[in-house]
Amino acid sequence: MTTPNDTAERSASCSGSARPTPGPWRASNTRPFDVYSGDGRYIGTTKGNHVLPEHIADEDKANARLIAAAPCMLAALLRQQANIQRWLDTGVPADAAESESISRQIDEAIKKAIGT
């Protein structure tokens, strides 16, 4: 049977042996749109140019939100993948409370990614 840790190991193997900086991450609200870890470590910048046309700035801000949501999305995907694998291995689906909890986690990751 696959465990959540097995799933995490498989996902880590997709990007080599390096592990991502733990979340949560946050995006700044000023240009350039920087992304920082929860403990304040710099993750990256969507654009280095401080003078951007507004439509590009909006796109960069959306990109920063998406980058900042990555740890939340990965956690939700790993949890749902473990849930699916458990169901495939045992034939027993998650109960309603677990399914609702996973759904809320996915919803929160989506909200963070799209900025709502």
C-alpha atoms as a PDB file:
ATOM      1  CA  MET A   1       0.000   0.000   0.000  1.00  0.00           C
ATOM      2  CA  THR A   2       1.250   3.503  -0.815  1.00  0.00           C
ATOM      3  CA  THR A   3       1.534   5.994   2.018  1.00  0.00           C
ATOM      4  CA  PRO A   4       1.575   9.802   1.861  1.00  0.00           C
ATOM      5  CA  ASN A   5       5.347   9.650   2.414  1.00  0.00           C
ATOM      6  CA  ASP A   6       5.735   7.329  -0.579  1.00  0.00           C
ATOM      7  CA  THR A   7       3.767   9.825  -2.644  1.00  0.00           C
ATOM      8  CA  ALA A   8       5.946  12.680  -1.400  1.00  0.00           C
ATOM      9  CA  GLU A   9       9.048  10.697  -2.288  1.00  0.00           C
ATOM     10  CA  ARG A  10       7.758  10.108  -5.809  1.00  0.00           C
ATOM     11  CA  SER A  11       6.989  13.807  -6.282  1.00  0.00           C
ATOM     12  CA  ALA A  12      10.438  14.784  -5.030  1.00  0.00           C
ATOM     13  CA  SER A  13      12.018  12.432  -7.569  1.00  0.00           C
ATOM     14  CA  CYS A  14      10.448  14.463 -10.380  1.00  0.00           C
ATOM     15  CA  SER A  15      12.730  17.374  -9.579  1.00  0.00           C
ATOM     16  CA  GLY A  16      15.845  15.549  -8.439  1.00  0.00           C
ATOM     17  CA  SER A  17      16.811  15.197  -4.799  1.00  0.00           C
ATOM     18  CA  ALA A  18      16.185  18.804  -3.794  1.00  0.00           C
ATOM     19  CA  ARG A  19      13.195  19.594  -1.613  1.00  0.00           C
ATOM     20  CA  PRO A  20      11.301  22.861  -2.053  1.00  0.00           C
ATOM     21  CA  THR A  21      11.444  25.570   0.587  1.00  0.00           C
ATOM     22  CA  PRO A  22       8.652  24.767   3.046  1.00  0.00           C
ATOM     23  CA  GLY A  23       5.475  26.825   2.762  1.00  0.00           C
ATOM     24  CA  PRO A  24       3.510  28.818   3.205  1.00  0.00           C
ATOM     25  CA  TRP A  25       4.877  31.299   0.700  1.00  0.00           C
ATOM     26  CA  ARG A  26       3.591  34.817   0.139  1.00  0.00           C
ATOM     27  CA  ALA A  27       3.746  37.246  -2.762  1.00  0.00           C
ATOM     28  CA  SER A  28       4.535  40.917  -2.264  1.00  0.00           C
ATOM     29  CA  ASN A  29       2.010  43.502  -3.424  1.00  0.00           C
ATOM     30  CA  THR A  30       4.567  45.857  -4.939  1.00  0.00           C
ATOM     31  CA  ARG A  31       6.654  45.759  -8.103  1.00  0.00           C
ATOM     32  CA  PRO A  32       8.677  43.726  -8.685  1.00  0.00           C
ATOM     33  CA  PHE A  33       6.395  41.012  -7.305  1.00  0.00           C
ATOM     34  CA  ASP A  34       8.687  39.065  -5.007  1.00  0.00           C
ATOM     35  CA  VAL A  35       7.820  35.750  -3.408  1.00  0.00           C
ATOM     36  CA  TYR A  36       9.001  34.932   0.140  1.00  0.00           C
ATOM     37  CA  SER A  37       8.799  31.880   2.361  1.00  0.00           C
ATOM     38  CA  GLY A  38       6.901  32.012   5.628  1.00  0.00           C
ATOM     39  CA  ASP A  39      10.134  32.706   7.486  1.00  0.00           C
ATOM     40  CA  GLY A  40      11.020  35.574   5.147  1.00  0.00           C
ATOM     41  CA  ARG A  41      13.460  33.816   2.808  1.00  0.00           C
ATOM     42  CA  TYR A  42      13.448  35.170  -0.751  1.00  0.00           C
ATOM     43  CA  ILE A  43      12.076  32.654  -3.289  1.00  0.00           C
ATOM     44  CA  GLY A  44      12.006  34.657  -6.512  1.00  0.00           C
ATOM     45  CA  THR A  45      10.741  37.622  -8.507  1.00  0.00           C
ATOM     46  CA  THR A  46       8.333  37.593 -11.419  1.00  0.00           C
ATOM     47  CA  LYS A  47       9.938  40.616 -13.137  1.00  0.00           C
ATOM     48  CA  GLY A  48      12.905  42.768 -12.297  1.00  0.00           C
ATOM     49  CA  ASN A  49      11.603  45.842 -14.112  1.00  0.00           C
ATOM     50  CA  HIS A  50       9.971  48.350 -11.752  1.00  0.00           C
ATOM     51  CA  VAL A  51       8.330  50.280 -14.609  1.00  0.00           C
ATOM     52  CA  LEU A  52       5.931  47.904 -16.303  1.00  0.00           C
ATOM     53  CA  PRO A  53       2.839  48.576 -18.383  1.00  0.00           C
ATOM     54  CA  GLU A  54      -0.183  47.912 -16.179  1.00  0.00           C
ATOM     55  CA  HIS A  55      -1.367  44.828 -18.107  1.00  0.00           C
ATOM     56  CA  ILE A  56       2.059  43.220 -17.679  1.00  0.00           C
ATOM     57  CA  ALA A  57       2.153  44.201 -14.010  1.00  0.00           C
ATOM     58  CA  ASP A  58      -1.231  42.498 -13.501  1.00  0.00           C
ATOM     59  CA  GLU A  59       0.085  39.356 -15.175  1.00  0.00           C
ATOM     60  CA  ASP A  60       3.235  39.427 -13.047  1.00  0.00           C
ATOM     61  CA  LYS A  61       1.185  39.816  -9.880  1.00  0.00           C
ATOM     62  CA  ALA A  62      -0.943  36.825 -10.922  1.00  0.00           C
ATOM     63  CA  ASN A  63       2.242  34.843 -11.615  1.00  0.00           C
ATOM     64  CA  ALA A  64       3.587  35.737  -8.164  1.00  0.00           C
ATOM     65  CA  ARG A  65       0.340  34.544  -6.538  1.00  0.00           C
ATOM     66  CA  LEU A  66       0.580  31.275  -8.450  1.00  0.00           C
ATOM     67  CA  ILE A  67       4.198  30.766  -7.399  1.00  0.00           C
ATOM     68  CA  ALA A  68       3.342  31.597  -3.785  1.00  0.00           C
ATOM     69  CA  ALA A  69       0.502  29.043  -3.840  1.00  0.00           C
ATOM     70  CA  ALA A  70       2.799  26.224  -5.001  1.00  0.00           C
ATOM     71  CA  PRO A  71       3.440  24.692  -1.536  1.00  0.00           C
ATOM     72  CA  CYS A  72      -0.306  24.702  -0.745  1.00  0.00           C
ATOM     73  CA  MET A  73      -1.129  23.139  -4.103  1.00  0.00           C
ATOM     74  CA  LEU A  74       1.565  20.487  -3.700  1.00  0.00           C
ATOM     75  CA  ALA A  75       0.311  19.600  -0.204  1.00  0.00           C
ATOM     76  CA  ALA A  76      -3.266  19.284  -1.487  1.00  0.00           C
ATOM     77  CA  LEU A  77      -2.185  17.162  -4.454  1.00  0.00           C
ATOM     78  CA  LEU A  78      -0.070  14.874  -2.280  1.00  0.00           C
ATOM     79  CA  ARG A  79      -2.941  14.432   0.156  1.00  0.00           C
ATOM     80  CA  GLN A  80      -5.469  13.701  -2.587  1.00  0.00           C
ATOM     81  CA  GLN A  81      -3.056  11.344  -4.356  1.00  0.00           C
ATOM     82  CA  ALA A  82      -2.551   9.403  -1.106  1.00  0.00           C
ATOM     83  CA  ASN A  83      -6.342   9.316  -0.688  1.00  0.00           C
ATOM     84  CA  ILE A  84      -6.841   7.960  -4.216  1.00  0.00           C
ATOM     85  CA  GLN A  85      -4.038   5.428  -3.823  1.00  0.00           C
ATOM     86  CA  ARG A  86      -5.488   4.208  -0.511  1.00  0.00           C
ATOM     87  CA  TRP A  87      -8.854   3.733  -2.252  1.00  0.00           C
ATOM     88  CA  LEU A  88      -7.225   1.855  -5.151  1.00  0.00           C
ATOM     89  CA  ASP A  89      -5.221  -0.341  -2.763  1.00  0.00           C
ATOM     90  CA  THR A  90      -8.042  -1.148  -0.352  1.00  0.00           C
ATOM     91  CA  GLY A  91     -11.271  -0.460  -2.235  1.00  0.00           C
ATOM     92  CA  VAL A  92     -12.329   1.736   0.681  1.00  0.00           C
ATOM     93  CA  PRO A  93     -12.967   5.381  -0.215  1.00  0.00           C
ATOM     94  CA  ALA A  94     -12.377   8.220   2.194  1.00  0.00           C
ATOM     95  CA  ASP A  95     -15.319   9.016   4.425  1.00  0.00           C
ATOM     96  CA  ALA A  96     -17.358  12.171   3.900  1.00  0.00           C
ATOM     97  CA  ALA A  97     -15.437  14.153   6.538  1.00  0.00           C
ATOM     98  CA  GLU A  98     -12.048  13.333   4.994  1.00  0.00           C
ATOM     99  CA  SER A  99     -13.310  14.084   1.481  1.00  0.00           C
ATOM    100  CA  GLU A 100     -14.719  17.417   2.669  1.00  0.00           C
ATOM    101  CA  SER A 101     -11.441  18.268   4.410  1.00  0.00           C
ATOM    102  CA  ILE A 102      -9.426  17.486   1.272  1.00  0.00           C
ATOM    103  CA  SER A 103     -11.856  19.533  -0.821  1.00  0.00           C
ATOM    104  CA  ARG A 104     -11.447  22.528   1.521  1.00  0.00           C
ATOM    105  CA  GLN A 105      -7.661  22.208   1.301  1.00  0.00           C
ATOM    106  CA  ILE A 106      -7.846  22.191  -2.508  1.00  0.00           C
ATOM    107  CA  ASP A 107     -10.232  25.178  -2.477  1.00  0.00           C
ATOM    108  CA  GLU A 108      -7.842  27.159  -0.260  1.00  0.00           C
ATOM    109  CA  ALA A 109      -4.910  26.415  -2.580  1.00  0.00           C
ATOM    110  CA  ILE A 110      -6.951  27.548  -5.589  1.00  0.00           C
ATOM    111  CA  LYS A 111      -8.042  30.737  -3.804  1.00  0.00           C
ATOM    112  CA  LYS A 112      -4.441  31.542  -2.950  1.00  0.00           C
ATOM    113  CA  ALA A 113      -3.354  30.912  -6.541  1.00  0.00           C
ATOM    114  CA  ILE A 114      -6.022  33.104  -8.119  1.00  0.00           C
ATOM    115  CA  GLY A 115      -6.073  35.765  -5.420  1.00  0.00           C
ATOM    116  CA  THR A 116      -9.613  35.526  -4.104  1.00  0.00           C
END
